[in-house]
Amino acid sequence: MRHIRGFTLIEMMITIVVLAILVAVAVPGMLGMMERNSVVAESNELIAALLLTRSEAIKREVSTVLVSSASGWRVFVDTNGNGTEDSGEEVLVIHTVNNSNVTLSANGAAASGIRYSSSGRVLGGGFSGGSTDYFKLVRGSAPTRCVRFSLTGRPWVDKHTTEGGGCS
């Protein structure tokens, strides 16, 4: 007696239906995860840039500045100490937000740029110690990430946002 191995048409159709159901259930969750991960990745990049800005200020013993825009940020060495990028000042980092759907905005002292002194502390007027000074990253329905910083210069991600995605 000869045994024929393989799938029957009914078995194949049931397998395809089960696979289609699994894909239909998994895709929406995967899209939400991708949105969250893109915001988390950009907030981590911003934290790294703030830490680099601070460490370069300490290492070089001169103020360094991180200036943000909606599309990214720049870090430069502020040799004359005026807080703005002038010709001849070394640019350390130029970062463009990789995902066009992630938007970056700044509030308080962060809007004009974060300037670190040679001691690693945040310089500049209007700094209120992190309560209203922050960078905000948003993408679609993903939770907002607020990157804050203390007067001593330490940045952190504040995951406690107000309902609707604002930084409180």
Protein backbone atom coordinates (compact mmCIF):
# COMPACT_ATOMS: atom_id res chain seq x y z
CA MET A 1 0.00 0.00 0.00
CA ARG A 2 1.34 3.35 -1.03
CA HIS A 3 0.95 6.44 1.23
CA ILE A 4 0.71 9.81 -0.47
CA ARG A 5 2.09 12.63 1.64
CA GLY A 6 1.01 16.27 1.33
CA PHE A 7 -1.77 18.71 2.15
CA THR A 8 -5.32 18.49 1.02
CA LEU A 9 -6.99 21.56 -0.41
CA ILE A 10 -9.18 21.92 2.69
CA GLU A 11 -6.15 21.81 5.01
CA MET A 12 -4.42 24.47 2.94
CA MET A 13 -7.48 26.76 2.95
CA ILE A 14 -7.90 26.42 6.74
CA THR A 15 -4.22 27.29 7.21
CA ILE A 16 -4.58 30.40 5.03
CA VAL A 17 -7.72 31.53 6.90
CA VAL A 18 -5.99 31.11 10.29
CA LEU A 19 -2.95 33.02 9.01
CA ALA A 20 -5.18 35.84 7.69
CA ILE A 21 -6.91 36.15 11.07
CA LEU A 22 -3.56 36.30 12.90
CA VAL A 23 -2.29 39.01 10.55
CA ALA A 24 -5.51 41.04 10.93
CA VAL A 25 -5.14 40.94 14.72
CA ALA A 26 -1.38 41.65 14.80
CA VAL A 27 -1.05 44.55 12.32
CA PRO A 28 -2.85 47.28 14.35
CA GLY A 29 -0.80 46.43 17.44
CA MET A 30 2.39 46.47 15.39
CA LEU A 31 1.63 49.94 14.00
CA GLY A 32 1.06 51.31 17.51
CA MET A 33 4.31 49.74 18.66
CA MET A 34 6.18 51.33 15.74
CA GLU A 35 4.77 54.77 16.65
CA ARG A 36 5.81 54.39 20.29
CA ASN A 37 9.27 53.11 19.36
CA SER A 38 9.97 56.00 16.99
CA VAL A 39 9.16 58.55 19.73
CA VAL A 40 11.24 56.63 22.28
CA ALA A 41 14.18 56.39 19.88
CA GLU A 42 14.16 60.13 19.15
CA SER A 43 13.85 61.03 22.84
CA ASN A 44 16.83 58.76 23.58
CA GLU A 45 18.81 60.51 20.83
CA LEU A 46 17.93 63.88 22.36
CA ILE A 47 19.02 62.71 25.83
CA ALA A 48 22.32 61.52 24.32
CA ALA A 49 22.79 64.89 22.60
CA LEU A 50 22.13 66.78 25.85
CA LEU A 51 24.62 64.56 27.69
CA LEU A 52 27.18 65.13 24.92
CA THR A 53 26.59 68.89 25.09
CA ARG A 54 27.15 68.84 28.84
CA SER A 55 30.23 66.62 28.73
CA GLU A 56 31.85 68.65 25.95
CA ALA A 57 31.32 71.84 27.96
CA ILE A 58 33.08 70.26 30.94
CA LYS A 59 35.86 68.68 28.85
CA ARG A 60 36.60 71.80 26.78
CA GLU A 61 36.01 74.22 29.68
CA VAL A 62 33.84 76.43 27.47
CA SER A 63 30.07 76.69 27.09
CA THR A 64 28.31 74.48 24.56
CA VAL A 65 24.78 74.88 23.24
CA LEU A 66 22.03 72.58 21.95
CA VAL A 67 19.53 74.41 19.74
CA SER A 68 16.40 72.62 18.53
CA SER A 69 14.01 73.07 15.64
CA ALA A 70 10.94 71.11 14.52
CA SER A 71 13.16 68.91 12.35
CA GLY A 72 16.03 68.21 14.77
CA TRP A 73 18.84 69.87 16.73
CA ARG A 74 22.40 71.18 16.55
CA VAL A 75 25.13 71.14 19.17
CA PHE A 76 27.95 73.66 18.92
CA VAL A 77 30.83 75.00 20.98
CA ASP A 78 30.04 78.57 22.04
CA THR A 79 33.57 79.98 22.26
CA ASN A 80 32.49 83.61 22.71
CA GLY A 81 29.74 82.73 25.23
CA ASN A 82 26.91 84.65 23.55
CA GLY A 83 24.59 81.62 23.20
CA THR A 84 24.24 81.85 19.43
CA GLU A 85 26.11 80.00 16.73
CA ASP A 86 28.63 82.31 15.07
CA SER A 87 30.93 81.62 12.14
CA GLY A 88 34.05 79.76 13.19
CA GLU A 89 32.41 78.01 16.14
CA GLU A 90 32.71 74.23 15.95
CA VAL A 91 29.53 72.26 15.29
CA LEU A 92 29.62 68.96 17.18
CA VAL A 93 26.31 67.37 16.16
CA ILE A 94 23.65 68.00 13.55
CA HIS A 95 20.70 65.65 14.03
CA THR A 96 17.63 65.46 11.85
CA VAL A 97 14.63 63.62 13.25
CA ASN A 98 14.60 60.37 11.26
CA ASN A 99 10.86 59.92 11.15
CA SER A 100 8.93 62.66 9.37
CA ASN A 101 5.89 61.92 11.54
CA VAL A 102 7.72 62.74 14.81
CA THR A 103 7.53 66.41 15.75
CA LEU A 104 9.82 68.14 18.21
CA SER A 105 8.87 71.32 20.04
CA ALA A 106 10.43 73.17 22.95
CA ASN A 107 9.09 75.28 25.78
CA GLY A 108 10.61 77.73 28.25
CA ALA A 109 14.39 77.95 28.22
CA ALA A 110 14.57 74.97 25.85
CA ALA A 111 12.97 77.07 23.08
CA SER A 112 15.99 79.35 22.85
CA GLY A 113 18.56 76.59 23.29
CA ILE A 114 20.18 74.80 26.21
CA ARG A 115 23.54 76.28 27.09
CA TYR A 116 25.87 74.42 29.44
CA SER A 117 28.70 76.13 31.30
CA SER A 118 32.14 74.64 31.78
CA SER A 119 30.93 73.31 35.15
CA GLY A 120 28.11 71.34 33.42
CA ARG A 121 25.31 73.55 34.76
CA VAL A 122 22.60 75.06 32.61
CA LEU A 123 23.15 78.75 31.83
CA GLY A 124 20.66 81.38 30.77
CA GLY A 125 17.83 83.50 32.00
CA GLY A 126 14.31 82.23 32.33
CA PHE A 127 15.32 78.76 33.47
CA SER A 128 12.83 77.58 36.07
CA GLY A 129 14.34 74.27 37.07
CA GLY A 130 12.61 71.82 34.77
CA SER A 131 8.94 72.41 35.59
CA THR A 132 8.13 74.42 32.47
CA ASP A 133 11.32 73.91 30.47
CA TYR A 134 11.19 70.86 28.22
CA PHE A 135 11.47 69.35 24.77
CA LYS A 136 8.32 67.56 23.60
CA LEU A 137 8.30 64.70 21.08
CA VAL A 138 5.00 63.56 19.55
CA ARG A 139 3.96 61.10 16.83
CA GLY A 140 0.38 60.28 16.00
CA SER A 141 -1.44 58.54 18.83
CA ALA A 142 1.78 57.47 20.58
CA PRO A 143 2.28 58.80 24.11
CA THR A 144 4.12 62.10 24.26
CA ARG A 145 7.68 62.05 25.58
CA CYS A 146 8.86 65.14 27.47
CA VAL A 147 12.62 65.56 27.85
CA ARG A 148 13.34 67.79 30.81
CA PHE A 149 16.57 68.93 32.44
CA SER A 150 17.57 70.16 35.86
CA LEU A 151 19.55 73.26 36.76
CA THR A 152 22.52 70.99 37.37
CA GLY A 153 22.25 69.92 33.73
CA ARG A 154 20.97 66.37 34.09
CA PRO A 155 18.39 65.50 31.40
CA TRP A 156 15.61 62.94 31.89
CA VAL A 157 12.47 61.72 30.17
CA ASP A 158 9.26 62.59 31.98
CA LYS A 159 6.72 59.92 31.07
CA HIS A 160 3.97 61.57 33.11
CA THR A 161 2.13 63.69 30.61
CA THR A 162 -1.29 65.25 30.85
CA GLU A 163 -4.26 63.68 29.13
CA GLY A 164 -4.17 64.52 25.46
CA GLY A 165 -0.41 64.36 25.18
CA GLY A 166 0.77 67.57 26.82
CA CYS A 167 3.74 68.04 29.11
CA SER A 168 2.51 69.17 32.51
